Amino acid sequence: MADYSNPNTPLTASRYAWDATFRYGTLTTQRIEGSYDTQPGATVGSLLAGLTNWYAQSNGIPVANVTITSYSLQEK
């Protein structure tokens, strides 16, 4: 089984289900679920960076203020 806690782990399945808890600021958190169609060369780290950017952009907040506090990935 792949080590999804390692940001360098390649994503080898064609599709993943993800679940992440985002934090911005000091107190606000939000749990979101979604799916991801794997891009060539994708890693756990690139997926998490993309999710962070997406969340920040969707909420009109600076990327620097967003943290993923927990996440899980599952091959679909």
Protein backbone atom coordinates (compact mmCIF):
# COMPACT_ATOMS: atom_id res chain seq x y z
CA MET A 1 0.00 0.00 0.00
CA ALA A 2 1.24 3.49 -0.83
CA ASP A 3 2.49 5.83 1.90
CA TYR A 4 0.16 8.80 1.45
CA SER A 5 1.76 10.60 4.40
CA ASN A 6 4.89 11.14 2.25
CA PRO A 7 4.51 14.16 -0.07
CA ASN A 8 6.91 12.55 -2.58
CA THR A 9 4.73 9.45 -3.04
CA PRO A 10 3.63 9.20 -6.68
CA LEU A 11 -0.10 8.92 -7.34
CA THR A 12 -0.36 5.89 -9.60
CA ALA A 13 -4.12 5.21 -9.71
CA SER A 14 -6.18 7.04 -12.32
CA ARG A 15 -8.58 8.50 -9.76
CA TYR A 16 -8.63 9.18 -6.01
CA ALA A 17 -11.24 10.12 -3.45
CA TRP A 18 -9.91 12.66 -0.97
CA ASP A 19 -11.04 14.09 2.33
CA ALA A 20 -9.29 17.10 3.82
CA THR A 21 -9.71 19.48 6.72
CA PHE A 22 -8.61 23.01 5.84
CA ARG A 23 -7.70 25.67 8.37
CA TYR A 24 -7.35 29.37 7.71
CA GLY A 25 -6.49 31.89 10.34
CA THR A 26 -6.17 30.57 13.85
CA LEU A 27 -9.57 29.00 14.48
CA THR A 28 -11.63 28.41 11.35
CA THR A 29 -11.69 24.87 9.93
CA GLN A 30 -13.72 23.19 7.21
CA ARG A 31 -13.84 19.53 6.15
CA ILE A 32 -14.36 18.87 2.44
CA GLU A 33 -14.53 15.69 0.37
CA GLY A 34 -13.87 15.37 -3.34
CA SER A 35 -12.29 13.36 -6.11
CA TYR A 36 -9.16 13.83 -8.19
CA ASP A 37 -8.32 12.57 -11.68
CA THR A 38 -4.59 11.95 -11.57
CA GLN A 39 -2.34 14.06 -13.78
CA PRO A 40 0.97 12.72 -15.16
CA GLY A 41 3.74 13.04 -12.57
CA ALA A 42 1.35 13.82 -9.72
CA THR A 43 2.48 13.21 -6.16
CA VAL A 44 0.75 13.50 -2.80
CA GLY A 45 2.51 16.85 -2.35
CA SER A 46 1.33 18.26 -5.68
CA LEU A 47 -2.24 17.17 -4.94
CA LEU A 48 -2.15 18.83 -1.50
CA ALA A 49 -0.65 22.02 -2.97
CA GLY A 50 -3.38 22.08 -5.60
CA LEU A 51 -6.09 21.58 -2.98
CA THR A 52 -4.62 24.38 -0.85
CA ASN A 53 -4.57 26.75 -3.84
CA TRP A 54 -8.10 25.77 -4.85
CA TYR A 55 -9.44 26.33 -1.32
CA ALA A 56 -7.75 29.71 -0.97
CA GLN A 57 -8.96 30.89 -4.37
CA SER A 58 -12.51 29.63 -3.76
CA ASN A 59 -12.69 31.53 -0.48
CA GLY A 60 -10.83 34.69 -1.52
CA ILE A 61 -8.10 34.25 1.07
CA PRO A 62 -4.31 34.24 0.71
CA VAL A 63 -2.76 30.82 0.10
CA ALA A 64 -0.25 31.56 2.87
CA ASN A 65 -3.14 31.56 5.38
CA VAL A 66 -4.42 28.08 4.44
CA THR A 67 -3.23 24.85 6.04
CA ILE A 68 -4.45 21.30 5.52
CA THR A 69 -4.59 19.90 9.04
CA SER A 70 -5.58 16.36 8.07
CA TYR A 71 -6.34 14.43 4.92
CA SER A 72 -6.94 10.97 3.54
CA LEU A 73 -6.67 9.53 0.05
CA GLN A 74 -8.29 6.41 -1.34
CA GLU A 75 -7.87 4.87 -4.78
CA LYS A 76 -11.14 4.69 -6.70
